[in-house]
Amino acid sequence: MDIIAICIVTYNHEQYIAQALDSVLAQKTEVPVKIFIGEDGSTDNTLNICKEYKIKYPDRIELLERKQNLGLVKNTLDIFSRIRRDGYKYIAMLDGDDLLD
């Protein structure tokens, strides 16, 4: 599948997650991009922001909502497993408080 899967792990990134998602969505690419967000049981408003983006971009965002915190490694590995299972060949990594230029 010639789509780039963007893996974003996020936990308590309320102040940054919208900017991170906007920076990915603004990229001009020759192939489609699908964003996989692993929201890791945040205690702030991160999950609600992620849900708003999922509603706004339903074909471009997959939200993996955790009921309890898995931690960075387990959250990332779970997202990678999902991406691989869905047949994506290319994976890019971005943290919930990072920006793409």
Protein backbone atom coordinates (compact mmCIF):
# COMPACT_ATOMS: atom_id res chain seq x y z
CA MET A 1 0.00 0.00 0.00
CA ASP A 2 1.65 3.25 -1.13
CA ILE A 3 0.43 5.39 1.73
CA ILE A 4 2.66 6.84 4.42
CA ALA A 5 1.50 5.96 7.92
CA ILE A 6 2.34 8.63 10.48
CA CYS A 7 2.60 7.23 14.01
CA ILE A 8 1.92 9.82 16.71
CA VAL A 9 2.14 8.80 20.36
CA THR A 10 0.65 11.31 22.74
CA TYR A 11 0.15 11.67 26.47
CA ASN A 12 -0.83 14.94 28.14
CA HIS A 13 0.09 17.01 25.10
CA GLU A 14 -2.93 19.29 25.29
CA GLN A 15 -0.86 22.39 24.52
CA TYR A 16 0.87 20.83 21.50
CA ILE A 17 -1.19 18.09 19.83
CA ALA A 18 -3.27 20.39 17.60
CA GLN A 19 -0.10 22.01 16.23
CA ALA A 20 1.49 18.61 15.69
CA LEU A 21 -1.55 17.34 13.78
CA ASP A 22 -1.85 20.55 11.77
CA SER A 23 1.81 20.30 10.80
CA VAL A 24 1.27 16.80 9.40
CA LEU A 25 -1.98 17.70 7.65
CA ALA A 26 -0.29 20.70 5.99
CA GLN A 27 2.42 18.58 4.34
CA LYS A 28 2.34 18.42 0.55
CA THR A 29 3.21 14.87 -0.47
CA GLU A 30 3.09 12.84 -3.66
CA VAL A 31 1.49 9.93 -1.83
CA PRO A 32 -1.39 9.98 0.65
CA VAL A 33 -0.73 10.19 4.39
CA LYS A 34 -2.72 8.42 7.12
CA ILE A 35 -2.22 9.51 10.74
CA PHE A 36 -2.40 6.93 13.53
CA ILE A 37 -2.71 8.56 16.95
CA GLY A 38 -2.03 6.47 20.03
CA GLU A 39 -3.67 8.56 22.76
CA ASP A 40 -2.28 7.01 25.93
CA GLY A 41 -4.88 7.77 28.60
CA SER A 42 -4.10 11.46 29.04
CA THR A 43 -5.43 13.22 32.11
CA ASP A 44 -5.74 16.58 30.35
CA ASN A 45 -7.76 17.58 27.24
CA THR A 46 -5.52 15.75 24.72
CA LEU A 47 -8.07 13.02 24.00
CA ASN A 48 -10.86 15.50 23.26
CA ILE A 49 -8.62 17.42 20.86
CA CYS A 50 -7.71 14.16 19.09
CA LYS A 51 -11.40 13.23 18.83
CA GLU A 52 -12.17 16.62 17.25
CA TYR A 53 -9.48 16.02 14.62
CA LYS A 54 -10.76 12.49 13.99
CA ILE A 55 -14.26 13.91 13.36
CA LYS A 56 -12.88 16.66 11.11
CA TYR A 57 -10.58 14.31 9.13
CA PRO A 58 -12.20 10.85 9.35
CA ASP A 59 -10.41 9.48 6.26
CA ARG A 60 -6.99 10.75 7.29
CA ILE A 61 -6.88 9.97 11.02
CA GLU A 62 -7.17 6.76 13.03
CA LEU A 63 -7.47 7.31 16.77
CA LEU A 64 -6.36 4.51 19.06
CA GLU A 65 -7.79 5.50 22.42
CA ARG A 66 -6.27 3.89 25.52
CA LYS A 67 -8.45 3.48 28.58
CA GLN A 68 -5.32 3.29 30.71
CA ASN A 69 -1.76 4.41 30.14
CA LEU A 70 0.36 1.81 28.30
CA GLY A 71 3.56 3.82 28.36
CA LEU A 72 5.63 5.04 25.45
CA VAL A 73 7.10 1.72 24.30
CA LYS A 74 3.92 -0.40 24.48
CA ASN A 75 1.83 2.37 22.93
CA THR A 76 4.30 2.75 20.04
CA LEU A 77 4.60 -1.00 19.46
CA ASP A 78 0.81 -1.35 19.44
CA ILE A 79 0.47 1.38 16.82
CA PHE A 80 3.24 -0.20 14.71
CA SER A 81 1.45 -3.57 14.93
CA ARG A 82 -1.78 -1.99 13.72
CA ILE A 83 -0.02 -0.18 10.88
CA ARG A 84 1.78 -3.35 9.74
CA ARG A 85 -1.40 -5.45 10.07
CA ASP A 86 -3.23 -2.95 7.85
CA GLY A 87 -0.56 -3.39 5.16
CA TYR A 88 1.28 -0.08 5.24
CA LYS A 89 4.89 -0.23 4.01
CA TYR A 90 6.11 3.20 5.09
CA ILE A 91 6.00 4.55 8.65
CA ALA A 92 7.04 7.96 9.95
CA MET A 93 7.26 8.78 13.65
CA LEU A 94 6.17 11.98 15.35
CA ASP A 95 5.64 12.70 19.03
CA GLY A 96 2.55 14.59 20.13
CA ASP A 97 4.63 17.65 20.95
CA ASP A 98 6.66 17.71 17.71
CA LEU A 99 6.14 19.77 14.56
CA LEU A 100 6.98 19.07 10.92
CA ASP A 101 8.38 21.90 8.80
